[in-house]
C-alpha atoms as a PDB file:
ATOM      1  CA  MET A   1       0.000   0.000   0.000  1.00  0.00           C
ATOM      2  CA  SER A   2       1.590   3.252  -1.071  1.00  0.00           C
ATOM      3  CA  ARG A   3       1.013   6.447   0.793  1.00  0.00           C
ATOM      4  CA  ARG A   4       0.105   9.564  -1.217  1.00  0.00           C
ATOM      5  CA  ARG A   5       1.190  13.041  -0.205  1.00  0.00           C
ATOM      6  CA  PRO A   6      -1.471  15.704  -0.283  1.00  0.00           C
ATOM      7  CA  LEU A   7      -1.317  17.956  -3.332  1.00  0.00           C
ATOM      8  CA  TYR A   8      -2.259  21.092  -1.375  1.00  0.00           C
ATOM      9  CA  ALA A   9       1.096  21.153   0.448  1.00  0.00           C
ATOM     10  CA  VAL A  10       2.897  21.605  -2.856  1.00  0.00           C
ATOM     11  CA  THR A  11       0.478  24.375  -3.854  1.00  0.00           C
ATOM     12  CA  ILE A  12       1.034  26.305  -0.609  1.00  0.00           C
ATOM     13  CA  VAL A  13       4.808  26.103  -0.969  1.00  0.00           C
ATOM     14  CA  ALA A  14       4.615  27.229  -4.604  1.00  0.00           C
ATOM     15  CA  CYS A  15       2.452  30.243  -3.680  1.00  0.00           C
ATOM     16  CA  ALA A  16       4.745  31.242  -0.834  1.00  0.00           C
ATOM     17  CA  LEU A  17       7.829  31.155  -3.049  1.00  0.00           C
ATOM     18  CA  SER A  18       6.219  32.937  -5.990  1.00  0.00           C
ATOM     19  CA  PRO A  19       6.911  36.692  -6.432  1.00  0.00           C
ATOM     20  CA  LEU A  20       3.238  37.154  -7.316  1.00  0.00           C
ATOM     21  CA  SER A  21       0.593  37.753  -4.693  1.00  0.00           C
ATOM     22  CA  ALA A  22      -2.473  35.607  -4.312  1.00  0.00           C
ATOM     23  CA  PHE A  23      -4.267  37.826  -6.822  1.00  0.00           C
ATOM     24  CA  GLY A  24      -1.658  37.506  -9.535  1.00  0.00           C
ATOM     25  CA  GLN A  25      -0.112  40.966  -9.054  1.00  0.00           C
ATOM     26  CA  SER A  26       3.505  41.630  -8.394  1.00  0.00           C
ATOM     27  CA  SER A  27       3.973  42.940  -4.863  1.00  0.00           C
ATOM     28  CA  ALA A  28       5.997  45.843  -6.289  1.00  0.00           C
ATOM     29  CA  THR A  29       2.977  47.172  -8.206  1.00  0.00           C
ATOM     30  CA  GLN A  30       0.393  46.986  -5.430  1.00  0.00           C
ATOM     31  CA  THR A  31      -1.006  50.300  -4.280  1.00  0.00           C
ATOM     32  CA  SER A  32      -2.453  51.404  -0.989  1.00  0.00           C
ATOM     33  CA  PRO A  33      -6.229  51.451  -0.747  1.00  0.00           C
ATOM     34  CA  SER A  34      -7.815  54.861  -1.135  1.00  0.00           C
ATOM     35  CA  LEU A  35     -11.249  56.424  -1.058  1.00  0.00           C
ATOM     36  CA  HIS A  36     -12.837  57.546  -4.296  1.00  0.00           C
ATOM     37  CA  HIS A  37     -15.931  59.640  -4.793  1.00  0.00           C
ATOM     38  CA  ARG A  38     -18.469  59.629  -7.541  1.00  0.00           C
ATOM     39  CA  SER A  39     -18.543  62.658  -9.760  1.00  0.00           C
ATOM     40  CA  ASP A  40     -20.424  64.064 -12.673  1.00  0.00           C
ATOM     41  CA  ALA A  41     -19.257  66.390 -15.443  1.00  0.00           C
ATOM     42  CA  ALA A  42     -20.055  69.495 -13.363  1.00  0.00           C
ATOM     43  CA  SER A  43     -17.774  68.386 -10.547  1.00  0.00           C
ATOM     44  CA  GLU A  44     -14.801  67.720 -12.801  1.00  0.00           C
ATOM     45  CA  ARG A  45     -13.596  71.272 -12.092  1.00  0.00           C
ATOM     46  CA  GLN A  46     -11.555  69.943  -9.184  1.00  0.00           C
ATOM     47  CA  SER A  47      -8.083  68.745 -10.039  1.00  0.00           C
ATOM     48  CA  ALA A  48      -6.641  65.453  -8.904  1.00  0.00           C
ATOM     49  CA  THR A  49      -3.734  67.219  -7.217  1.00  0.00           C
ATOM     50  CA  VAL A  50      -4.053  69.590  -4.317  1.00  0.00           C
ATOM     51  CA  ALA A  51      -2.441  72.984  -4.878  1.00  0.00           C
ATOM     52  CA  LYS A  52      -1.265  74.598  -1.672  1.00  0.00           C
ATOM     53  CA  LEU A  53       0.864  77.532  -2.688  1.00  0.00           C
ATOM     54  CA  SER A  54       3.179  79.010  -0.125  1.00  0.00           C
ATOM     55  CA  GLY A  55       3.851  82.676   0.220  1.00  0.00           C
ATOM     56  CA  ILE A  56       5.362  84.975   2.799  1.00  0.00           C
ATOM     57  CA  SER A  57       2.879  85.385   5.624  1.00  0.00           C
ATOM     58  CA  SER A  58       2.949  88.430   7.879  1.00  0.00           C
ATOM     59  CA  LEU A  59       0.501  86.773  10.280  1.00  0.00           C
ATOM     60  CA  PRO A  60       1.595  85.829  13.806  1.00  0.00           C
ATOM     61  CA  PRO A  61       1.667  82.092  14.609  1.00  0.00           C
ATOM     62  CA  ASP A  62      -1.308  82.346  16.952  1.00  0.00           C
ATOM     63  CA  ALA A  63      -3.537  83.553  14.077  1.00  0.00           C
ATOM     64  CA  SER A  64      -3.874  79.833  13.322  1.00  0.00           C
ATOM     65  CA  GLY A  65      -6.941  78.326  14.951  1.00  0.00           C
ATOM     66  CA  GLU A  66     -10.718  78.291  14.829  1.00  0.00           C
ATOM     67  CA  TYR A  67     -12.927  81.129  13.647  1.00  0.00           C
ATOM     68  CA  MET A  68     -16.625  80.921  14.590  1.00  0.00           C
ATOM     69  CA  ILE A  69     -19.109  80.885  11.713  1.00  0.00           C
ATOM     70  CA  ASP A  70     -22.153  80.708  13.988  1.00  0.00           C
ATOM     71  CA  GLU A  71     -23.144  79.998  17.568  1.00  0.00           C
ATOM     72  CA  GLU A  72     -24.193  76.412  16.759  1.00  0.00           C
ATOM     73  CA  GLY A  73     -20.602  75.204  16.369  1.00  0.00           C
ATOM     74  CA  SER A  74     -19.771  75.749  12.698  1.00  0.00           C
ATOM     75  CA  VAL A  75     -16.151  76.896  12.303  1.00  0.00           C
ATOM     76  CA  VAL A  76     -13.354  77.668   9.872  1.00  0.00           C
ATOM     77  CA  GLU A  77     -10.066  76.100  11.007  1.00  0.00           C
ATOM     78  CA  ILE A  78      -7.016  77.963   9.714  1.00  0.00           C
ATOM     79  CA  THR A  79      -3.535  76.437  10.020  1.00  0.00           C
ATOM     80  CA  ILE A  80      -0.483  78.389   8.911  1.00  0.00           C
ATOM     81  CA  GLU A  81       2.803  76.496   9.164  1.00  0.00           C
ATOM     82  CA  ASN A  82       6.013  77.139   7.233  1.00  0.00           C
ATOM     83  CA  ASN A  83       4.224  79.826   5.201  1.00  0.00           C
ATOM     84  CA  ARG A  84       1.612  77.324   3.988  1.00  0.00           C
ATOM     85  CA  LEU A  85      -2.119  77.574   4.530  1.00  0.00           C
ATOM     86  CA  ASP A  86      -4.246  74.550   5.379  1.00  0.00           C
ATOM     87  CA  GLY A  87      -7.531  73.929   7.132  1.00  0.00           C
ATOM     88  CA  TYR A  88     -11.208  73.146   6.747  1.00  0.00           C
ATOM     89  CA  ILE A  89     -14.751  74.422   7.197  1.00  0.00           C
ATOM     90  CA  THR A  90     -17.075  72.412   9.437  1.00  0.00           C
ATOM     91  CA  ARG A  91     -20.797  73.146   9.143  1.00  0.00           C
ATOM     92  CA  LEU A  92     -23.355  71.840  11.610  1.00  0.00           C
ATOM     93  CA  VAL A  93     -26.247  70.323   9.671  1.00  0.00           C
ATOM     94  CA  GLU A  94     -29.640  69.753  11.270  1.00  0.00           C
ATOM     95  CA  ARG A  95     -28.153  70.039  14.797  1.00  0.00           C
ATOM     96  CA  GLU A  96     -26.991  66.419  14.818  1.00  0.00           C
ATOM     97  CA  SER A  97     -24.430  65.961  12.060  1.00  0.00           C
ATOM     98  CA  THR A  98     -21.606  67.919  10.493  1.00  0.00           C
ATOM     99  CA  LEU A  99     -20.146  68.367   7.026  1.00  0.00           C
ATOM    100  CA  THR A 100     -16.419  69.031   6.799  1.00  0.00           C
ATOM    101  CA  PHE A 101     -14.994  70.739   3.716  1.00  0.00           C
ATOM    102  CA  PHE A 102     -11.193  70.369   3.645  1.00  0.00           C
ATOM    103  CA  PHE A 103      -9.120  73.011   1.863  1.00  0.00           C
ATOM    104  CA  ASP A 104      -8.142  71.901  -1.621  1.00  0.00           C
ATOM    105  CA  GLN A 105      -6.372  74.898  -3.168  1.00  0.00           C
ATOM    106  CA  THR A 106      -4.843  77.628  -1.016  1.00  0.00           C
ATOM    107  CA  THR A 107      -2.835  80.810  -1.419  1.00  0.00           C
ATOM    108  CA  LEU A 108      -1.146  82.811   1.335  1.00  0.00           C
ATOM    109  CA  GLY A 109       0.577  86.185   1.083  1.00  0.00           C
ATOM    110  CA  GLY A 110       1.003  88.842   3.766  1.00  0.00           C
ATOM    111  CA  ARG A 111      -2.313  88.981   5.632  1.00  0.00           C
ATOM    112  CA  GLN A 112      -4.207  87.784   2.526  1.00  0.00           C
ATOM    113  CA  ILE A 113      -5.570  84.227   2.407  1.00  0.00           C
ATOM    114  CA  ARG A 114      -7.477  82.440  -0.328  1.00  0.00           C
ATOM    115  CA  PHE A 115      -8.826  78.927  -0.394  1.00  0.00           C
ATOM    116  CA  THR A 116     -11.189  76.627  -2.210  1.00  0.00           C
ATOM    117  CA  THR A 117     -12.497  73.534  -0.445  1.00  0.00           C
ATOM    118  CA  LYS A 118     -13.012  70.048  -1.736  1.00  0.00           C
ATOM    119  CA  GLN A 119     -16.504  69.185  -2.881  1.00  0.00           C
ATOM    120  CA  VAL A 120     -18.922  67.443  -0.500  1.00  0.00           C
ATOM    121  CA  HIS A 121     -22.385  66.387  -1.699  1.00  0.00           C
ATOM    122  CA  GLY A 122     -22.099  68.664  -4.729  1.00  0.00           C
ATOM    123  CA  MET A 123     -21.169  71.755  -2.663  1.00  0.00           C
ATOM    124  CA  TRP A 124     -17.884  73.555  -2.026  1.00  0.00           C
ATOM    125  CA  TYR A 125     -16.654  76.888  -0.656  1.00  0.00           C
ATOM    126  CA  SER A 126     -14.220  79.522  -1.831  1.00  0.00           C
ATOM    127  CA  PHE A 127     -12.865  82.358   0.310  1.00  0.00           C
ATOM    128  CA  ASP A 128     -10.812  85.476  -0.362  1.00  0.00           C
ATOM    129  CA  GLY A 129      -9.933  87.716   2.563  1.00  0.00           C
ATOM    130  CA  VAL A 130      -7.606  88.742   5.370  1.00  0.00           C
ATOM    131  CA  ILE A 131      -6.954  88.045   9.040  1.00  0.00           C
ATOM    132  CA  THR A 132      -6.880  91.227  11.121  1.00  0.00           C
ATOM    133  CA  ARG A 133      -6.510  92.065  14.791  1.00  0.00           C
ATOM    134  CA  GLY A 134      -9.858  92.168  16.614  1.00  0.00           C
ATOM    135  CA  GLU A 135     -11.011  94.178  19.609  1.00  0.00           C
ATOM    136  CA  ALA A 136     -10.404  91.541  22.306  1.00  0.00           C
ATOM    137  CA  ALA A 137      -7.591  92.391  24.723  1.00  0.00           C
ATOM    138  CA  SER A 138      -5.823  89.000  24.640  1.00  0.00           C
ATOM    139  CA  PRO A 139      -5.700  85.792  22.592  1.00  0.00           C
ATOM    140  CA  VAL A 140      -7.538  83.896  25.356  1.00  0.00           C
ATOM    141  CA  GLU A 141     -10.654  85.977  24.575  1.00  0.00           C
ATOM    142  CA  THR A 142     -13.074  85.455  21.681  1.00  0.00           C
ATOM    143  CA  GLY A 143     -12.402  87.856  18.823  1.00  0.00           C
ATOM    144  CA  PHE A 144      -8.691  88.576  19.284  1.00  0.00           C
ATOM    145  CA  TYR A 145      -8.399  87.936  15.522  1.00  0.00           C
ATOM    146  CA  LEU A 146     -11.008  88.465  12.803  1.00  0.00           C
ATOM    147  CA  LEU A 147     -11.311  86.606   9.506  1.00  0.00           C
ATOM    148  CA  HIS A 148     -12.762  89.144   7.022  1.00  0.00           C
ATOM    149  CA  GLY A 149     -13.595  88.466   3.400  1.00  0.00           C
ATOM    150  CA  THR A 150     -15.904  87.054   0.800  1.00  0.00           C
ATOM    151  CA  LEU A 151     -17.178  83.503   1.249  1.00  0.00           C
ATOM    152  CA  VAL A 152     -18.877  81.840  -1.721  1.00  0.00           C
ATOM    153  CA  LEU A 153     -20.962  78.674  -1.392  1.00  0.00           C
ATOM    154  CA  HIS A 154     -21.006  76.835  -4.721  1.00  0.00           C
ATOM    155  CA  SER A 155     -23.790  74.317  -5.299  1.00  0.00           C
ATOM    156  CA  GLY A 156     -24.138  72.947  -8.808  1.00  0.00           C
ATOM    157  CA  ASN A 157     -24.453  75.970 -11.098  1.00  0.00           C
ATOM    158  CA  GLN A 158     -25.524  78.308  -8.287  1.00  0.00           C
ATOM    159  CA  GLN A 159     -23.371  80.562  -6.101  1.00  0.00           C
ATOM    160  CA  GLU A 160     -24.256  82.282  -2.839  1.00  0.00           C
ATOM    161  CA  THR A 161     -21.798  85.095  -2.037  1.00  0.00           C
ATOM    162  CA  THR A 162     -21.556  86.508   1.493  1.00  0.00           C
ATOM    163  CA  THR A 163     -19.279  89.127   3.032  1.00  0.00           C
ATOM    164  CA  VAL A 164     -18.155  87.631   6.347  1.00  0.00           C
ATOM    165  CA  SER A 165     -16.338  88.608   9.522  1.00  0.00           C
ATOM    166  CA  TYR A 166     -15.649  85.620  11.755  1.00  0.00           C
ATOM    167  CA  ARG A 167     -14.210  85.952  15.275  1.00  0.00           C
ATOM    168  CA  SER A 168     -11.379  83.752  16.514  1.00  0.00           C
ATOM    169  CA  THR A 169     -12.094  81.363  19.333  1.00  0.00           C
ATOM    170  CA  PRO A 170     -10.014  81.711  22.518  1.00  0.00           C
ATOM    171  CA  ARG A 171      -6.418  80.549  22.104  1.00  0.00           C
ATOM    172  CA  SER A 172      -4.502  78.775  24.833  1.00  0.00           C
ATOM    173  CA  SER A 173      -2.240  80.924  26.977  1.00  0.00           C
ATOM    174  CA  LYS A 174       0.416  78.185  26.643  1.00  0.00           C
ATOM    175  CA  PRO A 175       2.742  78.155  23.638  1.00  0.00           C
ATOM    176  CA  ARG A 176       1.584  75.801  20.884  1.00  0.00           C
ATOM    177  CA  TYR A 177       5.010  74.213  20.565  1.00  0.00           C
ATOM    178  CA  SER A 178       7.370  73.625  23.459  1.00  0.00           C
ATOM    179  CA  GLN A 179      11.121  73.006  23.426  1.00  0.00           C
ATOM    180  CA  ASP A 180      11.021  70.150  26.031  1.00  0.00           C
END
């Protein structure tokens, strides 16, 4: 009586030694998973690459932070690091959920900031304005900085333009970065 070896052991060894993955792709050509969104022809205006142009900012480091859009919790978050502008707009929707619009294209120069957000549910924002000193006495008070400018809500082929002046939220009295 002869004893047969199972065929699956040979298959497992062959797969382990092969430079191809289980799906027939070379491991050198595999890409990381990423999220994709559906789009129509009207939303093709957004480029695949994010353009964040740097400029010379005359804004103090603590101008970075939240600026209140409304009393319900909607904010613009501005981050200026290494003369680059980044951030997002968070809008409270129906008191229970939020929509966050991350900056897609930005420009920074002096006190001037410009940004366009990524599209969410067919809507996006663009802003052109400045950050100025507000009337509050210290950064730990609301309104030490003001974000003034023109905010445009784009929705399909419609645009809603608003002149805005958002107050900064209180900043911490501690330095943002420590040398520990």
